[in-house]
PDB file of N, CA and C in Angstrom:
ATOM      1  N   MET A   1     -28.668 -74.401  26.101  1.00  0.00           N
ATOM      2  CA  MET A   1     -27.704 -73.726  26.940  1.00  0.00           C
ATOM      3  C   MET A   1     -27.203 -74.719  27.980  1.00  0.00           C
ATOM      4  N   SER A   2     -25.895 -74.734  28.149  1.00  0.00           N
ATOM      5  CA  SER A   2     -25.320 -75.655  29.120  1.00  0.00           C
ATOM      6  C   SER A   2     -25.477 -75.094  30.533  1.00  0.00           C
ATOM      7  N   ILE A   3     -25.276 -75.958  31.510  1.00  0.00           N
ATOM      8  CA  ILE A   3     -25.452 -75.563  32.903  1.00  0.00           C
ATOM      9  C   ILE A   3     -24.385 -74.555  33.327  1.00  0.00           C
ATOM     10  N   GLU A   4     -23.182 -74.633  32.738  1.00  0.00           N
ATOM     11  CA  GLU A   4     -22.128 -73.682  33.086  1.00  0.00           C
ATOM     12  C   GLU A   4     -22.486 -72.269  32.629  1.00  0.00           C
ATOM     13  N   LYS A   5     -23.068 -72.172  31.444  1.00  0.00           N
ATOM     14  CA  LYS A   5     -23.491 -70.856  30.952  1.00  0.00           C
ATOM     15  C   LYS A   5     -24.639 -70.300  31.794  1.00  0.00           C
ATOM     16  N   ALA A   6     -25.511 -71.171  32.259  1.00  0.00           N
ATOM     17  CA  ALA A   6     -26.596 -70.712  33.130  1.00  0.00           C
ATOM     18  C   ALA A   6     -26.050 -70.204  34.455  1.00  0.00           C
ATOM     19  N   TYR A   7     -25.025 -70.870  34.988  1.00  0.00           N
ATOM     20  CA  TYR A   7     -24.404 -70.405  36.221  1.00  0.00           C
ATOM     21  C   TYR A   7     -23.696 -69.058  36.017  1.00  0.00           C
ATOM     22  N   ILE A   8     -23.082 -68.876  34.882  1.00  0.00           N
ATOM     23  CA  ILE A   8     -22.418 -67.603  34.609  1.00  0.00           C
ATOM     24  C   ILE A   8     -23.452 -66.490  34.486  1.00  0.00           C
ATOM     25  N   LEU A   9     -24.569 -66.759  33.835  1.00  0.00           N
ATOM     26  CA  LEU A   9     -25.636 -65.758  33.767  1.00  0.00           C
ATOM     27  C   LEU A   9     -26.211 -65.456  35.147  1.00  0.00           C
ATOM     28  N   LEU A  10     -26.343 -66.483  35.974  1.00  0.00           N
ATOM     29  CA  LEU A  10     -26.812 -66.276  37.342  1.00  0.00           C
ATOM     30  C   LEU A  10     -25.817 -65.444  38.143  1.00  0.00           C
ATOM     31  N   SER A  11     -24.529 -65.695  37.947  1.00  0.00           N
ATOM     32  CA  SER A  11     -23.520 -64.926  38.679  1.00  0.00           C
ATOM     33  C   SER A  11     -23.510 -63.466  38.234  1.00  0.00           C
ATOM     34  N   ILE A  12     -23.756 -63.209  36.963  1.00  0.00           N
ATOM     35  CA  ILE A  12     -23.867 -61.829  36.489  1.00  0.00           C
ATOM     36  C   ILE A  12     -25.065 -61.148  37.141  1.00  0.00           C
ATOM     37  N   LEU A  13     -26.173 -61.858  37.246  1.00  0.00           N
ATOM     38  CA  LEU A  13     -27.366 -61.307  37.882  1.00  0.00           C
ATOM     39  C   LEU A  13     -27.109 -61.012  39.362  1.00  0.00           C
ATOM     40  N   VAL A  14     -26.446 -61.924  40.066  1.00  0.00           N
ATOM     41  CA  VAL A  14     -26.133 -61.723  41.487  1.00  0.00           C
ATOM     42  C   VAL A  14     -25.195 -60.531  41.657  1.00  0.00           C
ATOM     43  N   PHE A  15     -24.201 -60.412  40.787  1.00  0.00           N
ATOM     44  CA  PHE A  15     -23.281 -59.280  40.865  1.00  0.00           C
ATOM     45  C   PHE A  15     -24.006 -57.969  40.624  1.00  0.00           C
ATOM     46  N   LEU A  16     -24.906 -57.935  39.644  1.00  0.00           N
ATOM     47  CA  LEU A  16     -25.641 -56.704  39.355  1.00  0.00           C
ATOM     48  C   LEU A  16     -26.596 -56.330  40.483  1.00  0.00           C
ATOM     49  N   ILE A  17     -27.175 -57.306  41.151  1.00  0.00           N
ATOM     50  CA  ILE A  17     -28.019 -57.020  42.315  1.00  0.00           C
ATOM     51  C   ILE A  17     -27.183 -56.390  43.429  1.00  0.00           C
ATOM     52  N   GLY A  18     -26.000 -56.919  43.660  1.00  0.00           N
ATOM     53  CA  GLY A  18     -25.110 -56.331  44.659  1.00  0.00           C
ATOM     54  C   GLY A  18     -24.667 -54.935  44.277  1.00  0.00           C
ATOM     55  N   LEU A  19     -24.361 -54.719  43.005  1.00  0.00           N
ATOM     56  CA  LEU A  19     -23.959 -53.397  42.538  1.00  0.00           C
ATOM     57  C   LEU A  19     -25.097 -52.398  42.686  1.00  0.00           C
ATOM     58  N   LEU A  20     -26.302 -52.817  42.395  1.00  0.00           N
ATOM     59  CA  LEU A  20     -27.467 -51.953  42.573  1.00  0.00           C
ATOM     60  C   LEU A  20     -27.662 -51.602  44.044  1.00  0.00           C
ATOM     61  N   GLY A  21     -27.429 -52.563  44.926  1.00  0.00           N
ATOM     62  CA  GLY A  21     -27.538 -52.301  46.356  1.00  0.00           C
ATOM     63  C   GLY A  21     -26.520 -51.299  46.847  1.00  0.00           C
ATOM     64  N   VAL A  22     -25.300 -51.355  46.310  1.00  0.00           N
ATOM     65  CA  VAL A  22     -24.265 -50.403  46.706  1.00  0.00           C
ATOM     66  C   VAL A  22     -24.586 -49.015  46.169  1.00  0.00           C
ATOM     67  N   MET A  23     -25.105 -48.949  44.959  1.00  0.00           N
ATOM     68  CA  MET A  23     -25.370 -47.654  44.340  1.00  0.00           C
ATOM     69  C   MET A  23     -26.598 -46.959  44.917  1.00  0.00           C
ATOM     70  N   VAL A  24     -27.615 -47.710  45.298  1.00  0.00           N
ATOM     71  CA  VAL A  24     -28.887 -47.114  45.691  1.00  0.00           C
ATOM     72  C   VAL A  24     -28.971 -46.852  47.182  1.00  0.00           C
ATOM     73  N   ARG A  25     -28.530 -47.767  47.999  1.00  0.00           N
ATOM     74  CA  ARG A  25     -28.707 -47.668  49.450  1.00  0.00           C
ATOM     75  C   ARG A  25     -27.720 -46.705  50.079  1.00  0.00           C
ATOM     76  N   LYS A  26     -28.139 -46.087  51.192  1.00  0.00           N
ATOM     77  CA  LYS A  26     -27.274 -45.171  51.924  1.00  0.00           C
ATOM     78  C   LYS A  26     -26.840 -45.725  53.270  1.00  0.00           C
ATOM     79  N   ASN A  27     -27.437 -46.796  53.711  1.00  0.00           N
ATOM     80  CA  ASN A  27     -27.077 -47.418  54.974  1.00  0.00           C
ATOM     81  C   ASN A  27     -25.766 -48.195  54.789  1.00  0.00           C
ATOM     82  N   LEU A  28     -24.809 -47.963  55.674  1.00  0.00           N
ATOM     83  CA  LEU A  28     -23.491 -48.584  55.506  1.00  0.00           C
ATOM     84  C   LEU A  28     -23.531 -50.094  55.666  1.00  0.00           C
ATOM     85  N   ILE A  29     -24.363 -50.595  56.550  1.00  0.00           N
ATOM     86  CA  ILE A  29     -24.457 -52.044  56.730  1.00  0.00           C
ATOM     87  C   ILE A  29     -25.053 -52.693  55.483  1.00  0.00           C
ATOM     88  N   THR A  30     -26.045 -52.058  54.894  1.00  0.00           N
ATOM     89  CA  THR A  30     -26.621 -52.574  53.656  1.00  0.00           C
ATOM     90  C   THR A  30     -25.608 -52.538  52.520  1.00  0.00           C
ATOM     91  N   MET A  31     -24.768 -51.510  52.520  1.00  0.00           N
ATOM     92  CA  MET A  31     -23.725 -51.448  51.499  1.00  0.00           C
ATOM     93  C   MET A  31     -22.686 -52.554  51.681  1.00  0.00           C
ATOM     94  N   LEU A  32     -22.368 -52.884  52.933  1.00  0.00           N
ATOM     95  CA  LEU A  32     -21.449 -54.002  53.190  1.00  0.00           C
ATOM     96  C   LEU A  32     -22.055 -55.330  52.729  1.00  0.00           C
ATOM     97  N   VAL A  33     -23.335 -55.526  53.003  1.00  0.00           N
ATOM     98  CA  VAL A  33     -24.015 -56.756  52.565  1.00  0.00           C
ATOM     99  C   VAL A  33     -24.041 -56.823  51.043  1.00  0.00           C
ATOM    100  N   SER A  34     -24.286 -55.687  50.392  1.00  0.00           N
ATOM    101  CA  SER A  34     -24.299 -55.667  48.927  1.00  0.00           C
ATOM    102  C   SER A  34     -22.921 -55.973  48.354  1.00  0.00           C
ATOM    103  N   THR A  35     -21.873 -55.513  49.028  1.00  0.00           N
ATOM    104  CA  THR A  35     -20.517 -55.844  48.594  1.00  0.00           C
ATOM    105  C   THR A  35     -20.261 -57.341  48.709  1.00  0.00           C
ATOM    106  N   GLU A  36     -20.776 -57.938  49.782  1.00  0.00           N
ATOM    107  CA  GLU A  36     -20.649 -59.395  49.934  1.00  0.00           C
ATOM    108  C   GLU A  36     -21.403 -60.135  48.824  1.00  0.00           C
ATOM    109  N   ILE A  37     -22.556 -59.626  48.432  1.00  0.00           N
ATOM    110  CA  ILE A  37     -23.316 -60.242  47.344  1.00  0.00           C
ATOM    111  C   ILE A  37     -22.523 -60.150  46.046  1.00  0.00           C
ATOM    112  N   MET A  38     -21.868 -59.019  45.824  1.00  0.00           N
ATOM    113  CA  MET A  38     -21.034 -58.888  44.627  1.00  0.00           C
ATOM    114  C   MET A  38     -19.876 -59.884  44.642  1.00  0.00           C
ATOM    115  N   LEU A  39     -19.245 -60.059  45.783  1.00  0.00           N
ATOM    116  CA  LEU A  39     -18.147 -61.022  45.871  1.00  0.00           C
ATOM    117  C   LEU A  39     -18.641 -62.453  45.688  1.00  0.00           C
ATOM    118  N   ASN A  40     -19.856 -62.748  46.138  1.00  0.00           N
ATOM    119  CA  ASN A  40     -20.411 -64.082  45.901  1.00  0.00           C
ATOM    120  C   ASN A  40     -20.705 -64.304  44.423  1.00  0.00           C
ATOM    121  N   GLY A  41     -21.096 -63.253  43.719  1.00  0.00           N
ATOM    122  CA  GLY A  41     -21.264 -63.370  42.271  1.00  0.00           C
ATOM    123  C   GLY A  41     -19.948 -63.679  41.573  1.00  0.00           C
ATOM    124  N   VAL A  42     -18.883 -63.051  42.029  1.00  0.00           N
ATOM    125  CA  VAL A  42     -17.547 -63.326  41.472  1.00  0.00           C
ATOM    126  C   VAL A  42     -17.135 -64.766  41.768  1.00  0.00           C
ATOM    127  N   ASN A  43     -17.407 -65.221  42.994  1.00  0.00           N
ATOM    128  CA  ASN A  43     -17.070 -66.603  43.349  1.00  0.00           C
ATOM    129  C   ASN A  43     -17.826 -67.605  42.478  1.00  0.00           C
ATOM    130  N   LEU A  44     -19.087 -67.327  42.233  1.00  0.00           N
ATOM    131  CA  LEU A  44     -19.877 -68.221  41.385  1.00  0.00           C
ATOM    132  C   LEU A  44     -19.331 -68.240  39.963  1.00  0.00           C
ATOM    133  N   THR A  45     -18.878 -67.101  39.485  1.00  0.00           N
ATOM    134  CA  THR A  45     -18.263 -67.051  38.158  1.00  0.00           C
ATOM    135  C   THR A  45     -16.979 -67.871  38.107  1.00  0.00           C
ATOM    136  N   LEU A  46     -16.154 -67.732  39.141  1.00  0.00           N
ATOM    137  CA  LEU A  46     -14.892 -68.486  39.172  1.00  0.00           C
ATOM    138  C   LEU A  46     -15.129 -69.990  39.177  1.00  0.00           C
ATOM    139  N   VAL A  47     -16.074 -70.428  39.997  1.00  0.00           N
ATOM    140  CA  VAL A  47     -16.318 -71.867  40.112  1.00  0.00           C
ATOM    141  C   VAL A  47     -16.969 -72.412  38.841  1.00  0.00           C
ATOM    142  N   SER A  48     -17.916 -71.664  38.257  1.00  0.00           N
ATOM    143  CA  SER A  48     -18.562 -72.170  37.047  1.00  0.00           C
ATOM    144  C   SER A  48     -17.613 -72.152  35.848  1.00  0.00           C
ATOM    145  N   ALA A  49     -16.740 -71.144  35.757  1.00  0.00           N
ATOM    146  CA  ALA A  49     -15.751 -71.135  34.682  1.00  0.00           C
ATOM    147  C   ALA A  49     -14.745 -72.267  34.864  1.00  0.00           C
ATOM    148  N   ASP A  50     -14.460 -72.570  36.121  1.00  0.00           N
ATOM    149  CA  ASP A  50     -13.565 -73.678  36.423  1.00  0.00           C
ATOM    150  C   ASP A  50     -14.158 -75.008  35.968  1.00  0.00           C
ATOM    151  N   ARG A  51     -15.430 -75.172  36.220  1.00  0.00           N
ATOM    152  CA  ARG A  51     -16.089 -76.412  35.788  1.00  0.00           C
ATOM    153  C   ARG A  51     -16.135 -76.489  34.267  1.00  0.00           C
ATOM    154  N   PHE A  52     -16.347 -75.337  33.633  1.00  0.00           N
ATOM    155  CA  PHE A  52     -16.391 -75.289  32.174  1.00  0.00           C
ATOM    156  C   PHE A  52     -15.039 -75.648  31.569  1.00  0.00           C
ATOM    157  N   LEU A  53     -13.952 -75.202  32.205  1.00  0.00           N
ATOM    158  CA  LEU A  53     -12.610 -75.480  31.693  1.00  0.00           C
ATOM    159  C   LEU A  53     -12.036 -76.794  32.193  1.00  0.00           C
ATOM    160  N   GLY A  54     -12.632 -77.381  33.245  1.00  0.00           N
ATOM    161  CA  GLY A  54     -12.148 -78.641  33.776  1.00  0.00           C
ATOM    162  C   GLY A  54     -10.901 -78.511  34.624  1.00  0.00           C
ATOM    163  N   ARG A  55     -10.763 -77.397  35.331  1.00  0.00           N
ATOM    164  CA  ARG A  55      -9.601 -77.164  36.170  1.00  0.00           C
ATOM    165  C   ARG A  55     -10.054 -76.853  37.593  1.00  0.00           C
ATOM    166  N   VAL A  56      -9.096 -76.619  38.489  1.00  0.00           N
ATOM    167  CA  VAL A  56      -9.436 -76.300  39.878  1.00  0.00           C
ATOM    168  C   VAL A  56      -8.831 -74.969  40.332  1.00  0.00           C
ATOM    169  N   ASP A  57      -8.249 -74.211  39.428  1.00  0.00           N
ATOM    170  CA  ASP A  57      -7.618 -72.952  39.808  1.00  0.00           C
ATOM    171  C   ASP A  57      -8.636 -71.930  40.305  1.00  0.00           C
ATOM    172  N   GLY A  58      -9.788 -71.873  39.688  1.00  0.00           N
ATOM    173  CA  GLY A  58     -10.820 -70.923  40.094  1.00  0.00           C
ATOM    174  C   GLY A  58     -11.385 -71.223  41.470  1.00  0.00           C
ATOM    175  N   GLN A  59     -11.443 -72.506  41.823  1.00  0.00           N
ATOM    176  CA  GLN A  59     -11.933 -72.862  43.150  1.00  0.00           C
ATOM    177  C   GLN A  59     -10.937 -72.438  44.230  1.00  0.00           C
ATOM    178  N   ILE A  60      -9.665 -72.561  43.935  1.00  0.00           N
ATOM    179  CA  ILE A  60      -8.647 -72.109  44.884  1.00  0.00           C
ATOM    180  C   ILE A  60      -8.702 -70.590  45.029  1.00  0.00           C
ATOM    181  N   LEU A  61      -8.847 -69.890  43.919  1.00  0.00           N
ATOM    182  CA  LEU A  61      -8.966 -68.439  43.959  1.00  0.00           C
ATOM    183  C   LEU A  61     -10.243 -68.013  44.678  1.00  0.00           C
ATOM    184  N   SER A  62     -11.283 -68.815  44.571  1.00  0.00           N
ATOM    185  CA  SER A  62     -12.531 -68.529  45.262  1.00  0.00           C
ATOM    186  C   SER A  62     -12.351 -68.566  46.779  1.00  0.00           C
ATOM    187  N   PHE A  63     -11.518 -69.465  47.278  1.00  0.00           N
ATOM    188  CA  PHE A  63     -11.234 -69.497  48.715  1.00  0.00           C
ATOM    189  C   PHE A  63     -10.505 -68.230  49.164  1.00  0.00           C
ATOM    190  N   PHE A  64      -9.618 -67.716  48.327  1.00  0.00           N
ATOM    191  CA  PHE A  64      -8.941 -66.463  48.661  1.00  0.00           C
ATOM    192  C   PHE A  64      -9.921 -65.295  48.671  1.00  0.00           C
ATOM    193  N   VAL A  65     -10.858 -65.289  47.737  1.00  0.00           N
ATOM    194  CA  VAL A  65     -11.872 -64.230  47.707  1.00  0.00           C
ATOM    195  C   VAL A  65     -12.743 -64.303  48.950  1.00  0.00           C
ATOM    196  N   LEU A  66     -13.078 -65.508  49.394  1.00  0.00           N
ATOM    197  CA  LEU A  66     -13.853 -65.657  50.630  1.00  0.00           C
ATOM    198  C   LEU A  66     -13.074 -65.141  51.834  1.00  0.00           C
ATOM    199  N   THR A  67     -11.777 -65.367  51.862  1.00  0.00           N
ATOM    200  CA  THR A  67     -10.953 -64.878  52.955  1.00  0.00           C
ATOM    201  C   THR A  67     -10.904 -63.352  52.975  1.00  0.00           C
ATOM    202  N   VAL A  68     -10.745 -62.750  51.814  1.00  0.00           N
ATOM    203  CA  VAL A  68     -10.738 -61.294  51.719  1.00  0.00           C
ATOM    204  C   VAL A  68     -12.103 -60.729  52.099  1.00  0.00           C
ATOM    205  N   ALA A  69     -13.171 -61.413  51.718  1.00  0.00           N
ATOM    206  CA  ALA A  69     -14.517 -60.957  52.065  1.00  0.00           C
ATOM    207  C   ALA A  69     -14.745 -61.003  53.570  1.00  0.00           C
ATOM    208  N   ALA A  70     -14.242 -62.022  54.225  1.00  0.00           N
ATOM    209  CA  ALA A  70     -14.394 -62.105  55.680  1.00  0.00           C
ATOM    210  C   ALA A  70     -13.610 -60.990  56.371  1.00  0.00           C
ATOM    211  N   ALA A  71     -12.420 -60.702  55.873  1.00  0.00           N
ATOM    212  CA  ALA A  71     -11.639 -59.604  56.449  1.00  0.00           C
ATOM    213  C   ALA A  71     -12.308 -58.258  56.189  1.00  0.00           C
ATOM    214  N   GLU A  72     -12.889 -58.107  55.024  1.00  0.00           N
ATOM    215  CA  GLU A  72     -13.587 -56.865  54.685  1.00  0.00           C
ATOM    216  C   GLU A  72     -14.780 -56.646  55.593  1.00  0.00           C
ATOM    217  N   VAL A  73     -15.507 -57.697  55.890  1.00  0.00           N
ATOM    218  CA  VAL A  73     -16.657 -57.573  56.786  1.00  0.00           C
ATOM    219  C   VAL A  73     -16.207 -57.225  58.194  1.00  0.00           C
ATOM    220  N   ALA A  74     -15.145 -57.840  58.668  1.00  0.00           N
ATOM    221  CA  ALA A  74     -14.666 -57.564  60.024  1.00  0.00           C
ATOM    222  C   ALA A  74     -14.213 -56.114  60.163  1.00  0.00           C
ATOM    223  N   VAL A  75     -13.430 -55.636  59.218  1.00  0.00           N
ATOM    224  CA  VAL A  75     -12.944 -54.253  59.280  1.00  0.00           C
ATOM    225  C   VAL A  75     -14.085 -53.270  59.045  1.00  0.00           C
ATOM    226  N   GLY A  76     -14.905 -53.538  58.051  1.00  0.00           N
ATOM    227  CA  GLY A  76     -16.013 -52.635  57.734  1.00  0.00           C
ATOM    228  C   GLY A  76     -17.020 -52.531  58.855  1.00  0.00           C
ATOM    229  N   LEU A  77     -17.370 -53.647  59.450  1.00  0.00           N
ATOM    230  CA  LEU A  77     -18.330 -53.609  60.548  1.00  0.00           C
ATOM    231  C   LEU A  77     -17.741 -52.924  61.769  1.00  0.00           C
ATOM    232  N   GLY A  78     -16.459 -53.102  62.007  1.00  0.00           N
ATOM    233  CA  GLY A  78     -15.798 -52.382  63.095  1.00  0.00           C
ATOM    234  C   GLY A  78     -15.823 -50.879  62.873  1.00  0.00           C
ATOM    235  N   LEU A  79     -15.586 -50.452  61.641  1.00  0.00           N
ATOM    236  CA  LEU A  79     -15.655 -49.028  61.331  1.00  0.00           C
ATOM    237  C   LEU A  79     -17.070 -48.482  61.488  1.00  0.00           C
ATOM    238  N   VAL A  80     -18.053 -49.219  61.041  1.00  0.00           N
ATOM    239  CA  VAL A  80     -19.439 -48.767  61.156  1.00  0.00           C
ATOM    240  C   VAL A  80     -19.836 -48.632  62.621  1.00  0.00           C
ATOM    241  N   VAL A  81     -19.466 -49.594  63.436  1.00  0.00           N
ATOM    242  CA  VAL A  81     -19.808 -49.532  64.857  1.00  0.00           C
ATOM    243  C   VAL A  81     -19.117 -48.355  65.527  1.00  0.00           C
ATOM    244  N   SER A  82     -17.844 -48.127  65.211  1.00  0.00           N
ATOM    245  CA  SER A  82     -17.140 -46.999  65.837  1.00  0.00           C
ATOM    246  C   SER A  82     -17.694 -45.653  65.369  1.00  0.00           C
ATOM    247  N   ILE A  83     -18.063 -45.535  64.108  1.00  0.00           N
ATOM    248  CA  ILE A  83     -18.681 -44.300  63.616  1.00  0.00           C
ATOM    249  C   ILE A  83     -20.029 -44.081  64.279  1.00  0.00           C
ATOM    250  N   PHE A  84     -20.790 -45.152  64.445  1.00  0.00           N
ATOM    251  CA  PHE A  84     -22.095 -45.019  65.084  1.00  0.00           C
ATOM    252  C   PHE A  84     -21.947 -44.613  66.547  1.00  0.00           C
ATOM    253  N   ARG A  85     -20.928 -45.130  67.228  1.00  0.00           N
ATOM    254  CA  ARG A  85     -20.713 -44.747  68.628  1.00  0.00           C
ATOM    255  C   ARG A  85     -20.263 -43.298  68.755  1.00  0.00           C
ATOM    256  N   LEU A  86     -19.427 -42.846  67.822  1.00  0.00           N
ATOM    257  CA  LEU A  86     -18.929 -41.473  67.898  1.00  0.00           C
ATOM    258  C   LEU A  86     -19.971 -40.441  67.485  1.00  0.00           C
ATOM    259  N   ARG A  87     -20.667 -40.703  66.393  1.00  0.00           N
ATOM    260  CA  ARG A  87     -21.553 -39.698  65.808  1.00  0.00           C
ATOM    261  C   ARG A  87     -23.034 -40.006  65.945  1.00  0.00           C
ATOM    262  N   GLY A  88     -23.397 -41.253  66.108  1.00  0.00           N
ATOM    263  CA  GLY A  88     -24.796 -41.613  66.275  1.00  0.00           C
ATOM    264  C   GLY A  88     -25.571 -41.815  64.991  1.00  0.00           C
ATOM    265  N   TYR A  89     -24.915 -42.003  63.874  1.00  0.00           N
ATOM    266  CA  TYR A  89     -25.599 -42.285  62.624  1.00  0.00           C
ATOM    267  C   TYR A  89     -24.835 -43.345  61.863  1.00  0.00           C
ATOM    268  N   GLU A  90     -25.511 -43.932  60.901  1.00  0.00           N
ATOM    269  CA  GLU A  90     -24.879 -44.997  60.129  1.00  0.00           C
ATOM    270  C   GLU A  90     -25.059 -44.827  58.631  1.00  0.00           C
ATOM    271  N   GLY A  91     -25.496 -43.663  58.208  1.00  0.00           N
ATOM    272  CA  GLY A  91     -25.672 -43.408  56.787  1.00  0.00           C
ATOM    273  C   GLY A  91     -24.373 -43.016  56.113  1.00  0.00           C
ATOM    274  N   SER A  92     -24.298 -43.251  54.831  1.00  0.00           N
ATOM    275  CA  SER A  92     -23.066 -42.939  54.107  1.00  0.00           C
ATOM    276  C   SER A  92     -23.006 -41.478  53.694  1.00  0.00           C
ATOM    277  N   SER A  93     -24.128 -40.786  53.662  1.00  0.00           N
ATOM    278  CA  SER A  93     -24.109 -39.392  53.220  1.00  0.00           C
ATOM    279  C   SER A  93     -23.527 -38.458  54.284  1.00  0.00           C
ATOM    280  N   GLU A  94     -23.545 -38.869  55.550  1.00  0.00           N
ATOM    281  CA  GLU A  94     -23.022 -38.017  56.610  1.00  0.00           C
ATOM    282  C   GLU A  94     -21.537 -38.250  56.876  1.00  0.00           C
ATOM    283  N   ILE A  95     -20.911 -39.191  56.225  1.00  0.00           N
ATOM    284  CA  ILE A  95     -19.517 -39.527  56.505  1.00  0.00           C
ATOM    285  C   ILE A  95     -18.589 -38.409  56.079  1.00  0.00           C
ATOM    286  N   VAL A  96     -18.987 -37.583  55.138  1.00  0.00           N
ATOM    287  CA  VAL A  96     -18.125 -36.496  54.691  1.00  0.00           C
ATOM    288  C   VAL A  96     -17.896 -35.484  55.801  1.00  0.00           C
ATOM    289  N   HIS A  97     -18.715 -35.496  56.824  1.00  0.00           N
ATOM    290  CA  HIS A  97     -18.585 -34.547  57.929  1.00  0.00           C
ATOM    291  C   HIS A  97     -17.669 -35.061  59.033  1.00  0.00           C
ATOM    292  N   LEU A  98     -16.986 -36.176  58.845  1.00  0.00           N
ATOM    293  CA  LEU A  98     -16.125 -36.720  59.889  1.00  0.00           C
ATOM    294  C   LEU A  98     -14.844 -35.904  60.066  1.00  0.00           C
ATOM    295  N   ARG A  99     -14.475 -35.096  59.094  1.00  0.00           N
ATOM    296  CA  ARG A  99     -13.274 -34.272  59.241  1.00  0.00           C
ATOM    297  C   ARG A  99     -13.487 -33.141  60.233  1.00  0.00           C
ATOM    298  N   ASP A 100     -14.715 -32.772  60.462  1.00  0.00           N
ATOM    299  CA  ASP A 100     -15.023 -31.655  61.373  1.00  0.00           C
ATOM    300  C   ASP A 100     -14.789 -32.000  62.823  1.00  0.00           C
TER     301      ASP A 100
END
């Protein structure tokens, strides 16, 4: 097995760990961290596929994914902090009650 295929398998594993974290956990901060882990798995896939193909397009796209991930963390963490200040909880199961 070549090193590029090993990196792709590793990126699949990292993505699945992040997906499991989003599906299982109820804490919003943990869900944000799991989303970041999923995006890092995608970045690893882009860079390893780029090395396999001998191009640099995936690395450029990886920088855009990092930019979107940073914006997602800033907005998501701001929402979590404001929800915690208003309601006093940070779980995802209680968010359905925000309309009340």
